[in-house]
């Protein structure tokens, strides 16, 4: 049993060292109030800049979306008009077909 623990500790040692290197500076010294306030102010400014950039990008995307929706609506109107034209042509062709059938029946029956 002790050999198993020793193997596990031996395998974990390199990781413990890297974690300790990262964690120890946090616990060593606290920043002064002035440094903390400056850091906080800098972070706030960075966040405000990021929010401004995000808002600009969202506005640009909204404009692109509006353009796309307008184009889709226009394409839909054009498609509906084309479909109505096709239906009229199909109805006219059907009517001509019926007339041709009647004329053929009249010619056959005479």
N, C-alpha and C. Protein backbone atom coordinates (compact mmCIF):
# COMPACT_ATOMS: atom_id res chain seq x y z
N UNK A 1 0.82 -1.20 0.00
CA UNK A 1 0.00 0.00 0.00
C UNK A 1 0.86 1.25 0.00
N UNK A 2 1.92 1.35 0.83
CA UNK A 2 2.74 2.55 0.83
C UNK A 2 3.42 2.77 -0.51
N UNK A 3 3.75 1.71 -1.22
CA UNK A 3 4.40 1.87 -2.51
C UNK A 3 3.45 2.51 -3.52
N UNK A 4 2.17 2.20 -3.41
CA UNK A 4 1.17 2.78 -4.31
C UNK A 4 1.06 4.28 -4.08
N UNK A 5 1.04 4.70 -2.83
CA UNK A 5 0.96 6.13 -2.52
C UNK A 5 2.20 6.86 -2.99
N UNK A 6 3.32 6.24 -2.85
CA UNK A 6 4.57 6.86 -3.28
C UNK A 6 4.58 7.05 -4.80
N UNK A 7 4.06 6.09 -5.52
CA UNK A 7 3.98 6.19 -6.98
C UNK A 7 3.04 7.32 -7.38
N UNK A 8 1.90 7.40 -6.70
CA UNK A 8 0.93 8.46 -7.01
C UNK A 8 1.50 9.83 -6.70
N UNK A 9 2.20 9.95 -5.56
CA UNK A 9 2.81 11.23 -5.20
C UNK A 9 3.91 11.58 -6.19
N UNK A 10 4.68 10.61 -6.58
CA UNK A 10 5.75 10.84 -7.56
C UNK A 10 5.20 11.30 -8.90
N UNK A 11 4.05 10.76 -9.30
CA UNK A 11 3.44 11.15 -10.58
C UNK A 11 2.82 12.54 -10.49
N UNK A 12 2.31 12.92 -9.31
CA UNK A 12 1.64 14.21 -9.15
C UNK A 12 2.60 15.34 -8.86
N UNK A 13 3.83 15.06 -8.48
CA UNK A 13 4.78 16.09 -8.07
C UNK A 13 5.02 17.17 -9.13
N UNK A 14 5.22 16.85 -10.40
CA UNK A 14 5.44 17.92 -11.38
C UNK A 14 4.23 18.85 -11.51
N UNK A 15 3.05 18.31 -11.37
CA UNK A 15 1.84 19.13 -11.46
C UNK A 15 1.68 20.02 -10.24
N UNK A 16 2.02 19.49 -9.08
CA UNK A 16 1.92 20.26 -7.85
C UNK A 16 2.87 21.46 -7.91
N UNK A 17 4.03 21.24 -8.49
CA UNK A 17 4.99 22.33 -8.60
C UNK A 17 4.45 23.45 -9.50
N UNK A 18 3.85 23.09 -10.64
CA UNK A 18 3.34 24.13 -11.54
C UNK A 18 2.15 24.86 -10.93
N UNK A 19 1.31 24.14 -10.22
CA UNK A 19 0.17 24.79 -9.53
C UNK A 19 0.68 25.72 -8.45
N UNK A 20 1.69 25.29 -7.71
CA UNK A 20 2.24 26.14 -6.65
C UNK A 20 2.86 27.41 -7.23
N UNK A 21 3.55 27.30 -8.36
CA UNK A 21 4.14 28.48 -8.99
C UNK A 21 3.08 29.50 -9.38
N UNK A 22 1.91 29.01 -9.80
CA UNK A 22 0.84 29.92 -10.19
C UNK A 22 0.09 30.48 -8.99
N UNK A 23 -0.08 29.67 -7.96
CA UNK A 23 -0.92 30.07 -6.84
C UNK A 23 -0.20 30.90 -5.79
N UNK A 24 1.06 30.65 -5.56
CA UNK A 24 1.77 31.34 -4.49
C UNK A 24 1.83 32.85 -4.65
N UNK A 25 2.08 33.40 -5.83
CA UNK A 25 2.11 34.86 -5.92
C UNK A 25 0.80 35.53 -5.52
N UNK A 26 -0.29 34.84 -5.69
CA UNK A 26 -1.58 35.41 -5.30
C UNK A 26 -1.66 35.58 -3.80
N UNK A 27 -1.10 34.64 -3.06
CA UNK A 27 -1.19 34.68 -1.61
C UNK A 27 -0.07 35.48 -0.94
N UNK A 28 0.98 35.78 -1.68
CA UNK A 28 2.12 36.45 -1.06
C UNK A 28 1.83 37.88 -0.66
N UNK A 29 1.30 38.66 -1.58
CA UNK A 29 1.16 40.08 -1.29
C UNK A 29 -0.12 40.61 -1.92
N UNK A 30 -0.84 41.36 -1.16
CA UNK A 30 -2.03 42.02 -1.67
C UNK A 30 -1.63 43.37 -2.22
N UNK A 31 -2.29 43.77 -3.28
CA UNK A 31 -2.00 45.08 -3.85
C UNK A 31 -2.51 46.16 -2.90
N UNK A 32 -1.88 47.29 -2.98
CA UNK A 32 -2.35 48.41 -2.16
C UNK A 32 -3.69 48.86 -2.70
N UNK A 33 -4.39 49.64 -1.88
CA UNK A 33 -5.71 50.12 -2.29
C UNK A 33 -5.62 50.97 -3.55
N UNK A 34 -4.57 51.77 -3.67
CA UNK A 34 -4.40 52.62 -4.84
C UNK A 34 -4.18 51.79 -6.09
N UNK A 35 -3.31 50.78 -5.98
CA UNK A 35 -3.06 49.90 -7.12
C UNK A 35 -4.33 49.14 -7.52
N UNK A 36 -5.07 48.70 -6.53
CA UNK A 36 -6.30 47.97 -6.79
C UNK A 36 -7.31 48.87 -7.49
N UNK A 37 -7.42 50.13 -7.05
CA UNK A 37 -8.34 51.07 -7.66
C UNK A 37 -7.93 51.38 -9.10
N UNK A 38 -6.62 51.52 -9.32
CA UNK A 38 -6.13 51.79 -10.68
C UNK A 38 -6.40 50.59 -11.59
N UNK A 39 -6.18 49.42 -11.08
CA UNK A 39 -6.45 48.21 -11.86
C UNK A 39 -7.93 48.10 -12.19
N UNK A 40 -8.73 48.38 -11.19
CA UNK A 40 -10.18 48.32 -11.39
C UNK A 40 -10.62 49.36 -12.41
N UNK A 41 -10.08 50.56 -12.33
CA UNK A 41 -10.43 51.62 -13.28
C UNK A 41 -10.02 51.23 -14.70
N UNK A 42 -8.82 50.65 -14.84
CA UNK A 42 -8.34 50.21 -16.14
C UNK A 42 -9.24 49.11 -16.70
N UNK A 43 -9.65 48.19 -15.84
CA UNK A 43 -10.54 47.12 -16.28
C UNK A 43 -11.89 47.68 -16.72
N UNK A 44 -12.39 48.66 -16.00
CA UNK A 44 -13.66 49.29 -16.36
C UNK A 44 -13.54 49.96 -17.72
N UNK A 45 -12.44 50.67 -17.95
CA UNK A 45 -12.23 51.33 -19.24
C UNK A 45 -12.15 50.30 -20.37
N UNK A 46 -11.46 49.19 -20.12
CA UNK A 46 -11.36 48.14 -21.14
C UNK A 46 -12.74 47.56 -21.43
N UNK A 47 -13.53 47.35 -20.40
CA UNK A 47 -14.88 46.81 -20.60
C UNK A 47 -15.76 47.79 -21.37
N UNK A 48 -15.63 49.10 -21.04
CA UNK A 48 -16.41 50.09 -21.76
C UNK A 48 -16.02 50.13 -23.24
N UNK A 49 -14.74 50.01 -23.51
CA UNK A 49 -14.28 49.98 -24.90
C UNK A 49 -14.82 48.75 -25.62
N UNK A 50 -14.77 47.63 -24.94
CA UNK A 50 -15.28 46.39 -25.54
C UNK A 50 -16.78 46.49 -25.81
N UNK A 51 -17.51 47.07 -24.87
CA UNK A 51 -18.96 47.22 -25.05
C UNK A 51 -19.26 48.14 -26.22
N UNK A 52 -18.50 49.22 -26.35
CA UNK A 52 -18.69 50.13 -27.46
C UNK A 52 -18.44 49.43 -28.79
N UNK A 53 -17.35 48.68 -28.87
CA UNK A 53 -17.06 47.94 -30.10
C UNK A 53 -18.15 46.92 -30.40
N UNK A 54 -18.62 46.23 -29.37
CA UNK A 54 -19.68 45.24 -29.56
C UNK A 54 -20.96 45.92 -30.06
N UNK A 55 -21.28 47.07 -29.51
CA UNK A 55 -22.48 47.79 -29.94
C UNK A 55 -22.37 48.20 -31.41
N UNK A 56 -21.19 48.64 -31.82
CA UNK A 56 -20.98 49.01 -33.22
C UNK A 56 -21.15 47.80 -34.13
N UNK A 57 -20.61 46.67 -33.70
CA UNK A 57 -20.74 45.45 -34.51
C UNK A 57 -22.19 44.99 -34.58
N UNK A 58 -22.90 45.09 -33.46
CA UNK A 58 -24.31 44.69 -33.45
C UNK A 58 -25.12 45.59 -34.37
N UNK A 59 -24.82 46.90 -34.36
CA UNK A 59 -25.53 47.83 -35.24
C UNK A 59 -25.25 47.48 -36.71
N UNK A 60 -24.00 47.19 -37.03
CA UNK A 60 -23.66 46.81 -38.41
C UNK A 60 -24.37 45.52 -38.81
N UNK A 61 -24.41 44.56 -37.91
CA UNK A 61 -25.11 43.31 -38.20
C UNK A 61 -26.61 43.53 -38.38
N UNK A 62 -27.18 44.43 -37.58
CA UNK A 62 -28.61 44.73 -37.71
C UNK A 62 -28.90 45.37 -39.07
N UNK A 63 -28.01 46.25 -39.52
CA UNK A 63 -28.20 46.85 -40.84
C UNK A 63 -28.10 45.81 -41.94
N UNK A 64 -27.14 44.90 -41.81
CA UNK A 64 -27.01 43.82 -42.81
C UNK A 64 -28.23 42.92 -42.80
N UNK A 65 -28.75 42.64 -41.61
CA UNK A 65 -29.94 41.80 -41.50
C UNK A 65 -31.13 42.50 -42.13
N UNK A 66 -31.26 43.79 -41.89
CA UNK A 66 -32.37 44.55 -42.48
C UNK A 66 -32.27 44.53 -44.01
N UNK A 67 -31.07 44.70 -44.54
CA UNK A 67 -30.87 44.64 -46.00
C UNK A 67 -31.23 43.26 -46.53
N UNK A 68 -30.83 42.24 -45.82
CA UNK A 68 -31.13 40.87 -46.24
C UNK A 68 -32.62 40.60 -46.23
N UNK A 69 -33.30 41.03 -45.17
CA UNK A 69 -34.74 40.81 -45.06
C UNK A 69 -35.47 41.56 -46.18
N UNK A 70 -35.05 42.78 -46.46
CA UNK A 70 -35.66 43.56 -47.54
C UNK A 70 -35.48 42.84 -48.88
N UNK A 71 -34.27 42.34 -49.13
CA UNK A 71 -34.01 41.62 -50.37
C UNK A 71 -34.86 40.35 -50.46
N UNK A 72 -35.01 39.65 -49.33
CA UNK A 72 -35.82 38.44 -49.32
C UNK A 72 -37.30 38.76 -49.58
N UNK A 73 -37.78 39.85 -49.00
CA UNK A 73 -39.17 40.25 -49.23
C UNK A 73 -39.38 40.59 -50.70
N UNK A 74 -38.44 41.32 -51.30
CA UNK A 74 -38.54 41.68 -52.70
C UNK A 74 -38.51 40.42 -53.57
N UNK A 75 -37.63 39.49 -53.24
CA UNK A 75 -37.56 38.24 -54.00
C UNK A 75 -38.86 37.45 -53.85
N UNK A 76 -39.47 37.48 -52.69
CA UNK A 76 -40.74 36.80 -52.48
C UNK A 76 -41.85 37.39 -53.32
N UNK A 77 -41.89 38.72 -53.40
CA UNK A 77 -42.89 39.39 -54.23
C UNK A 77 -42.69 39.02 -55.70
N UNK A 78 -41.44 39.03 -56.15
CA UNK A 78 -41.14 38.67 -57.54
C UNK A 78 -41.51 37.21 -57.82
N UNK A 79 -41.23 36.35 -56.86
CA UNK A 79 -41.57 34.94 -57.02
C UNK A 79 -43.08 34.74 -57.10
N UNK A 80 -43.84 35.46 -56.27
CA UNK A 80 -45.29 35.35 -56.29
C UNK A 80 -45.84 35.82 -57.64
N UNK A 81 -45.29 36.92 -58.16
CA UNK A 81 -45.74 37.41 -59.47
C UNK A 81 -45.42 36.40 -60.57
N UNK A 82 -44.23 35.80 -60.53
CA UNK A 82 -43.86 34.80 -61.52
C UNK A 82 -44.76 33.57 -61.42
N UNK A 83 -45.11 33.20 -60.21
CA UNK A 83 -45.97 32.04 -60.01
C UNK A 83 -47.37 32.32 -60.58
N UNK A 84 -47.87 33.53 -60.38
CA UNK A 84 -49.18 33.89 -60.94
C UNK A 84 -49.14 33.85 -62.47
N UNK A 85 -48.06 34.34 -63.07
CA UNK A 85 -47.93 34.29 -64.52
C UNK A 85 -47.92 32.84 -65.01
N UNK A 86 -47.18 32.00 -64.31
CA UNK A 86 -47.13 30.59 -64.70
C UNK A 86 -48.49 29.92 -64.57
N UNK A 87 -49.24 30.27 -63.53
CA UNK A 87 -50.57 29.70 -63.36
C UNK A 87 -51.49 30.15 -64.50
N UNK A 88 -51.38 31.41 -64.90
CA UNK A 88 -52.20 31.90 -66.01
C UNK A 88 -51.86 31.16 -67.31
N UNK A 89 -50.56 30.99 -67.58
CA UNK A 89 -50.14 30.28 -68.78
C UNK A 89 -50.62 28.82 -68.74
N UNK A 90 -50.52 28.21 -67.58
CA UNK A 90 -50.96 26.81 -67.45
C UNK A 90 -52.47 26.72 -67.66
N UNK A 91 -53.23 27.68 -67.14
CA UNK A 91 -54.67 27.68 -67.32
C UNK A 91 -55.02 27.90 -68.79
N UNK A 92 -54.29 28.81 -69.45
CA UNK A 92 -54.53 29.05 -70.88
C UNK A 92 -54.20 27.80 -71.69
N UNK A 93 -53.11 27.12 -71.35
CA UNK A 93 -52.74 25.90 -72.06
C UNK A 93 -53.79 24.81 -71.83
N UNK A 94 -54.29 24.73 -70.61
CA UNK A 94 -55.34 23.74 -70.32
C UNK A 94 -56.59 24.04 -71.14
N UNK A 95 -56.96 25.32 -71.19
CA UNK A 95 -58.13 25.72 -71.97
C UNK A 95 -57.96 25.40 -73.45
N UNK A 96 -56.78 25.71 -73.99
CA UNK A 96 -56.52 25.37 -75.39
C UNK A 96 -56.56 23.86 -75.62
N UNK A 97 -56.07 23.12 -74.65
CA UNK A 97 -56.12 21.66 -74.76
C UNK A 97 -57.54 21.15 -74.78
N UNK A 98 -58.40 21.72 -73.93
CA UNK A 98 -59.81 21.31 -73.91
C UNK A 98 -60.46 21.66 -75.25
N UNK A 99 -60.19 22.87 -75.77
CA UNK A 99 -60.76 23.27 -77.06
C UNK A 99 -60.28 22.33 -78.16
N UNK A 100 -59.00 21.98 -78.15
CA UNK A 100 -58.47 21.06 -79.16
C UNK A 100 -59.11 19.69 -79.04
N UNK A 101 -59.35 19.22 -77.82
CA UNK A 101 -60.00 17.93 -77.62
C UNK A 101 -61.42 17.95 -78.14
N UNK A 102 -62.14 19.01 -77.86
CA UNK A 102 -63.53 19.13 -78.34
C UNK A 102 -63.53 19.16 -79.86
N UNK A 103 -62.64 19.94 -80.47
CA UNK A 103 -62.58 20.00 -81.91
C UNK A 103 -62.21 18.64 -82.51
N UNK A 104 -61.33 17.92 -81.86
CA UNK A 104 -60.96 16.58 -82.35
C UNK A 104 -62.13 15.63 -82.25
N UNK A 105 -62.89 15.72 -81.17
CA UNK A 105 -64.07 14.83 -81.01
C UNK A 105 -65.14 15.17 -82.05
N UNK A 106 -65.30 16.46 -82.31
CA UNK A 106 -66.29 16.88 -83.31
C UNK A 106 -65.84 16.37 -84.68
N UNK A 107 -64.56 16.46 -84.96
CA UNK A 107 -64.06 16.01 -86.27
C UNK A 107 -64.18 14.50 -86.40
N UNK A 108 -63.95 13.77 -85.34
CA UNK A 108 -64.04 12.31 -85.39
C UNK A 108 -65.50 11.88 -85.52
N UNK A 109 -66.40 12.55 -84.86
CA UNK A 109 -67.82 12.14 -84.86
C UNK A 109 -68.52 12.55 -86.16
N UNK A 110 -68.03 13.37 -86.98
CA UNK A 110 -68.66 13.78 -88.23
C UNK A 110 -68.34 12.84 -89.30
